[in-house]
Amino acid sequence: MKDGIQRFKNKVGLNYDDLVDIEEELFKFKSKILDYRFTFNQEYFGIEYLLKLHEFLFGDLYDSAGKISDRYNESDKEEFDIDIKVIVSLISSKNPDIAHIEDLINDLIDKQIFDDGNSRTIRLFFNNIIDCFYLDDEYGKELKENLKKSGRKF
């Protein structure tokens, strides 16, 4: 069960309440050191990069980190890769339809690619992609701000 049982299956044997706290602290820490660990290069933006990011963020807690959920197969993985590359293409082209980009990212989050950490991983992934293209640019700032307000818990 995505909401509870999976969260109890963790490498360190934490109960749910402790796991939630540790998960949040670990995410904050690892997201801060991300730039030192990952190199952003457009040719790598895709599902494999997202999987590596998820493993980096949650691999200390979950054996399933960096793997798509068991409810998906290889063809689904290829579809996720296409979805990601479409979003990256829209971001890199400075597409004026920010609402469309938000919708695509939220659709990807709703697919629940991972057993845990979907919203945080996907949001961090796209925030870093936005920074890669538009660091200190008004378009990038607007896009990131709109994603924060989009109704998803990131």
C-alpha atoms as a PDB file:
ATOM      1  CA  MET A   1       0.000   0.000   0.000  1.00  0.00           C
ATOM      2  CA  LYS A   2       1.544   3.193  -1.213  1.00  0.00           C
ATOM      3  CA  ASP A   3       0.271   5.279   1.708  1.00  0.00           C
ATOM      4  CA  GLY A   4       1.530   3.216   4.604  1.00  0.00           C
ATOM      5  CA  ILE A   5       2.940  -0.242   4.112  1.00  0.00           C
ATOM      6  CA  GLN A   6       5.639   0.823   1.665  1.00  0.00           C
ATOM      7  CA  ARG A   7       6.747   3.560   4.028  1.00  0.00           C
ATOM      8  CA  PHE A   8       7.285   0.945   6.739  1.00  0.00           C
ATOM      9  CA  LYS A   9       9.521  -1.112   4.432  1.00  0.00           C
ATOM     10  CA  ASN A  10      12.656   0.860   5.048  1.00  0.00           C
ATOM     11  CA  LYS A  11      16.272  -0.150   5.420  1.00  0.00           C
ATOM     12  CA  VAL A  12      16.660   1.235   8.912  1.00  0.00           C
ATOM     13  CA  GLY A  13      13.519  -0.193  10.536  1.00  0.00           C
ATOM     14  CA  LEU A  14      11.927   3.117  11.469  1.00  0.00           C
ATOM     15  CA  ASN A  15       8.276   3.382  12.389  1.00  0.00           C
ATOM     16  CA  TYR A  16       6.067   5.624  10.261  1.00  0.00           C
ATOM     17  CA  ASP A  17       6.281   8.788  12.395  1.00  0.00           C
ATOM     18  CA  ASP A  18      10.060   8.643  12.748  1.00  0.00           C
ATOM     19  CA  LEU A  19      10.454   7.765   9.077  1.00  0.00           C
ATOM     20  CA  VAL A  20       8.500  10.822   7.947  1.00  0.00           C
ATOM     21  CA  ASP A  21      10.765  13.105   9.984  1.00  0.00           C
ATOM     22  CA  ILE A  22      13.987  11.417   8.859  1.00  0.00           C
ATOM     23  CA  GLU A  23      12.815  11.342   5.245  1.00  0.00           C
ATOM     24  CA  GLU A  24      12.169  15.087   5.281  1.00  0.00           C
ATOM     25  CA  GLU A  25      15.517  15.924   6.897  1.00  0.00           C
ATOM     26  CA  LEU A  26      17.415  13.629   4.546  1.00  0.00           C
ATOM     27  CA  PHE A  27      15.672  15.157   1.535  1.00  0.00           C
ATOM     28  CA  LYS A  28      16.536  18.698   2.657  1.00  0.00           C
ATOM     29  CA  PHE A  29      20.171  17.776   3.221  1.00  0.00           C
ATOM     30  CA  LYS A  30      20.622  15.852  -0.010  1.00  0.00           C
ATOM     31  CA  SER A  31      18.824  18.422  -2.127  1.00  0.00           C
ATOM     32  CA  LYS A  32      21.275  21.045  -0.834  1.00  0.00           C
ATOM     33  CA  ILE A  33      24.314  19.010  -1.880  1.00  0.00           C
ATOM     34  CA  LEU A  34      22.801  17.969  -5.174  1.00  0.00           C
ATOM     35  CA  ASP A  35      24.855  20.351  -7.309  1.00  0.00           C
ATOM     36  CA  TYR A  36      28.043  18.737  -6.061  1.00  0.00           C
ATOM     37  CA  ARG A  37      26.887  15.257  -6.924  1.00  0.00           C
ATOM     38  CA  PHE A  38      25.019  15.628 -10.216  1.00  0.00           C
ATOM     39  CA  THR A  39      26.067  17.361 -13.381  1.00  0.00           C
ATOM     40  CA  PHE A  40      23.255  18.773 -15.461  1.00  0.00           C
ATOM     41  CA  ASN A  41      23.720  18.223 -19.157  1.00  0.00           C
ATOM     42  CA  GLN A  42      20.690  18.342 -21.431  1.00  0.00           C
ATOM     43  CA  GLU A  43      21.510  15.053 -23.143  1.00  0.00           C
ATOM     44  CA  TYR A  44      20.951  13.271 -19.828  1.00  0.00           C
ATOM     45  CA  PHE A  45      17.577  14.771 -18.960  1.00  0.00           C
ATOM     46  CA  GLY A  46      15.174  11.848 -18.965  1.00  0.00           C
ATOM     47  CA  ILE A  47      13.912   8.926 -16.900  1.00  0.00           C
ATOM     48  CA  GLU A  48      17.380   7.512 -16.197  1.00  0.00           C
ATOM     49  CA  TYR A  49      18.473  10.795 -14.674  1.00  0.00           C
ATOM     50  CA  LEU A  50      15.265  10.988 -12.633  1.00  0.00           C
ATOM     51  CA  LEU A  51      15.845   7.432 -11.379  1.00  0.00           C
ATOM     52  CA  LYS A  52      19.404   8.286 -10.327  1.00  0.00           C
ATOM     53  CA  LEU A  53      18.194  11.407  -8.563  1.00  0.00           C
ATOM     54  CA  HIS A  54      15.546   9.405  -6.669  1.00  0.00           C
ATOM     55  CA  GLU A  55      18.140   6.822  -5.655  1.00  0.00           C
ATOM     56  CA  PHE A  56      20.468   9.581  -4.441  1.00  0.00           C
ATOM     57  CA  LEU A  57      17.711  11.216  -2.402  1.00  0.00           C
ATOM     58  CA  PHE A  58      16.084   8.121  -0.877  1.00  0.00           C
ATOM     59  CA  GLY A  59      18.558   5.268  -1.337  1.00  0.00           C
ATOM     60  CA  ASP A  60      19.627   5.389   2.301  1.00  0.00           C
ATOM     61  CA  LEU A  61      16.073   4.563   3.365  1.00  0.00           C
ATOM     62  CA  TYR A  62      14.482   2.409   0.677  1.00  0.00           C
ATOM     63  CA  ASP A  63      15.614  -0.562  -1.395  1.00  0.00           C
ATOM     64  CA  SER A  64      13.120   0.593  -4.034  1.00  0.00           C
ATOM     65  CA  ALA A  65      14.823   3.986  -4.419  1.00  0.00           C
ATOM     66  CA  GLY A  66      15.855   4.657  -7.995  1.00  0.00           C
ATOM     67  CA  LYS A  67      13.436   2.083  -9.391  1.00  0.00           C
ATOM     68  CA  ILE A  68      10.037   2.631 -10.924  1.00  0.00           C
ATOM     69  CA  SER A  69       7.142   1.170  -8.998  1.00  0.00           C
ATOM     70  CA  ASP A  70       6.353  -2.514  -9.593  1.00  0.00           C
ATOM     71  CA  ARG A  71       3.006  -1.536 -11.099  1.00  0.00           C
ATOM     72  CA  TYR A  72       4.871  -0.255 -14.184  1.00  0.00           C
ATOM     73  CA  ASN A  73       6.914  -2.032 -16.864  1.00  0.00           C
ATOM     74  CA  GLU A  74       9.593  -1.139 -19.407  1.00  0.00           C
ATOM     75  CA  SER A  75       7.144   0.352 -21.919  1.00  0.00           C
ATOM     76  CA  ASP A  76       5.789   2.586 -19.153  1.00  0.00           C
ATOM     77  CA  LYS A  77       9.363   3.600 -18.373  1.00  0.00           C
ATOM     78  CA  GLU A  78       9.832   4.621 -22.022  1.00  0.00           C
ATOM     79  CA  GLU A  79       6.603   6.648 -21.841  1.00  0.00           C
ATOM     80  CA  PHE A  80       7.864   8.433 -18.718  1.00  0.00           C
ATOM     81  CA  ASP A  81      11.084   9.218 -20.559  1.00  0.00           C
ATOM     82  CA  ILE A  82       9.132  10.794 -23.411  1.00  0.00           C
ATOM     83  CA  ASP A  83       6.963  12.762 -20.961  1.00  0.00           C
ATOM     84  CA  ILE A  84      10.046  14.139 -19.219  1.00  0.00           C
ATOM     85  CA  LYS A  85      11.768  15.088 -22.462  1.00  0.00           C
ATOM     86  CA  VAL A  86       8.658  16.907 -23.697  1.00  0.00           C
ATOM     87  CA  ILE A  87       8.575  18.957 -20.481  1.00  0.00           C
ATOM     88  CA  VAL A  88      12.306  19.697 -20.691  1.00  0.00           C
ATOM     89  CA  SER A  89      11.861  20.771 -24.303  1.00  0.00           C
ATOM     90  CA  LEU A  90       9.053  23.162 -23.346  1.00  0.00           C
ATOM     91  CA  ILE A  91      11.109  24.566 -20.475  1.00  0.00           C
ATOM     92  CA  SER A  92      14.223  25.028 -22.613  1.00  0.00           C
ATOM     93  CA  SER A  93      12.253  26.717 -25.390  1.00  0.00           C
ATOM     94  CA  LYS A  94      10.987  29.307 -22.915  1.00  0.00           C
ATOM     95  CA  ASN A  95       7.427  28.307 -23.723  1.00  0.00           C
ATOM     96  CA  PRO A  96       5.092  31.105 -22.662  1.00  0.00           C
ATOM     97  CA  ASP A  97       2.372  28.637 -21.637  1.00  0.00           C
ATOM     98  CA  ILE A  98       3.603  28.065 -18.091  1.00  0.00           C
ATOM     99  CA  ALA A  99       0.224  26.612 -17.074  1.00  0.00           C
ATOM    100  CA  HIS A 100       0.694  23.838 -19.653  1.00  0.00           C
ATOM    101  CA  ILE A 101       4.135  23.007 -18.271  1.00  0.00           C
ATOM    102  CA  GLU A 102       2.676  22.936 -14.748  1.00  0.00           C
ATOM    103  CA  ASP A 103      -0.063  20.556 -15.892  1.00  0.00           C
ATOM    104  CA  LEU A 104       2.440  18.203 -17.534  1.00  0.00           C
ATOM    105  CA  ILE A 105       4.646  18.124 -14.440  1.00  0.00           C
ATOM    106  CA  ASN A 106       1.635  17.522 -12.189  1.00  0.00           C
ATOM    107  CA  ASP A 107       0.439  14.737 -14.498  1.00  0.00           C
ATOM    108  CA  LEU A 108       3.853  13.120 -14.138  1.00  0.00           C
ATOM    109  CA  ILE A 109       3.633  13.436 -10.342  1.00  0.00           C
ATOM    110  CA  ASP A 110       0.137  11.913 -10.387  1.00  0.00           C
ATOM    111  CA  LYS A 111       1.471   8.815 -12.152  1.00  0.00           C
ATOM    112  CA  GLN A 112       3.350   7.943  -8.945  1.00  0.00           C
ATOM    113  CA  ILE A 113       6.390   6.579 -10.720  1.00  0.00           C
ATOM    114  CA  PHE A 114       8.075   5.742  -7.422  1.00  0.00           C
ATOM    115  CA  ASP A 115       6.736   4.014  -4.316  1.00  0.00           C
ATOM    116  CA  ASP A 116       7.670   7.073  -2.255  1.00  0.00           C
ATOM    117  CA  GLY A 117       9.083  10.551  -2.792  1.00  0.00           C
ATOM    118  CA  ASN A 118       7.419  11.303  -6.146  1.00  0.00           C
ATOM    119  CA  SER A 119       6.480  14.943  -5.663  1.00  0.00           C
ATOM    120  CA  ARG A 120       9.720  15.922  -3.981  1.00  0.00           C
ATOM    121  CA  THR A 121      11.921  14.168  -6.511  1.00  0.00           C
ATOM    122  CA  ILE A 122      10.079  15.411  -9.586  1.00  0.00           C
ATOM    123  CA  ARG A 123       9.853  18.972  -8.298  1.00  0.00           C
ATOM    124  CA  LEU A 124      13.563  19.048  -7.434  1.00  0.00           C
ATOM    125  CA  PHE A 125      14.399  17.531 -10.813  1.00  0.00           C
ATOM    126  CA  PHE A 126      12.503  20.212 -12.737  1.00  0.00           C
ATOM    127  CA  ASN A 127      13.615  23.045 -10.465  1.00  0.00           C
ATOM    128  CA  ASN A 128      17.209  22.117 -11.219  1.00  0.00           C
ATOM    129  CA  ILE A 129      16.452  21.901 -14.928  1.00  0.00           C
ATOM    130  CA  ILE A 130      14.868  25.360 -14.803  1.00  0.00           C
ATOM    131  CA  ASP A 131      17.951  26.649 -12.988  1.00  0.00           C
ATOM    132  CA  CYS A 132      20.176  25.030 -15.594  1.00  0.00           C
ATOM    133  CA  PHE A 133      18.505  27.010 -18.373  1.00  0.00           C
ATOM    134  CA  TYR A 134      17.341  30.139 -16.579  1.00  0.00           C
ATOM    135  CA  LEU A 135      19.282  30.789 -13.393  1.00  0.00           C
ATOM    136  CA  ASP A 136      18.392  34.309 -12.215  1.00  0.00           C
ATOM    137  CA  ASP A 137      16.089  34.808 -15.206  1.00  0.00           C
ATOM    138  CA  GLU A 138      12.547  36.160 -14.779  1.00  0.00           C
ATOM    139  CA  TYR A 139      10.989  33.347 -16.823  1.00  0.00           C
ATOM    140  CA  GLY A 140      12.660  30.710 -14.649  1.00  0.00           C
ATOM    141  CA  LYS A 141      11.634  32.482 -11.459  1.00  0.00           C
ATOM    142  CA  GLU A 142       8.026  32.764 -12.661  1.00  0.00           C
ATOM    143  CA  LEU A 143       7.904  29.117 -13.701  1.00  0.00           C
ATOM    144  CA  LYS A 144       9.328  27.913 -10.375  1.00  0.00           C
ATOM    145  CA  GLU A 145       6.947  30.158  -8.411  1.00  0.00           C
ATOM    146  CA  ASN A 146       3.948  28.872 -10.359  1.00  0.00           C
ATOM    147  CA  LEU A 147       5.001  25.289  -9.753  1.00  0.00           C
ATOM    148  CA  LYS A 148       5.070  25.975  -6.005  1.00  0.00           C
ATOM    149  CA  LYS A 149       1.497  27.265  -6.190  1.00  0.00           C
ATOM    150  CA  SER A 150       0.206  24.462  -8.398  1.00  0.00           C
ATOM    151  CA  GLY A 151      -1.596  22.597  -5.640  1.00  0.00           C
ATOM    152  CA  ARG A 152       0.796  19.689  -5.232  1.00  0.00           C
ATOM    153  CA  LYS A 153       2.712  19.055  -2.041  1.00  0.00           C
ATOM    154  CA  PHE A 154       6.325  19.385  -3.070  1.00  0.00           C
END
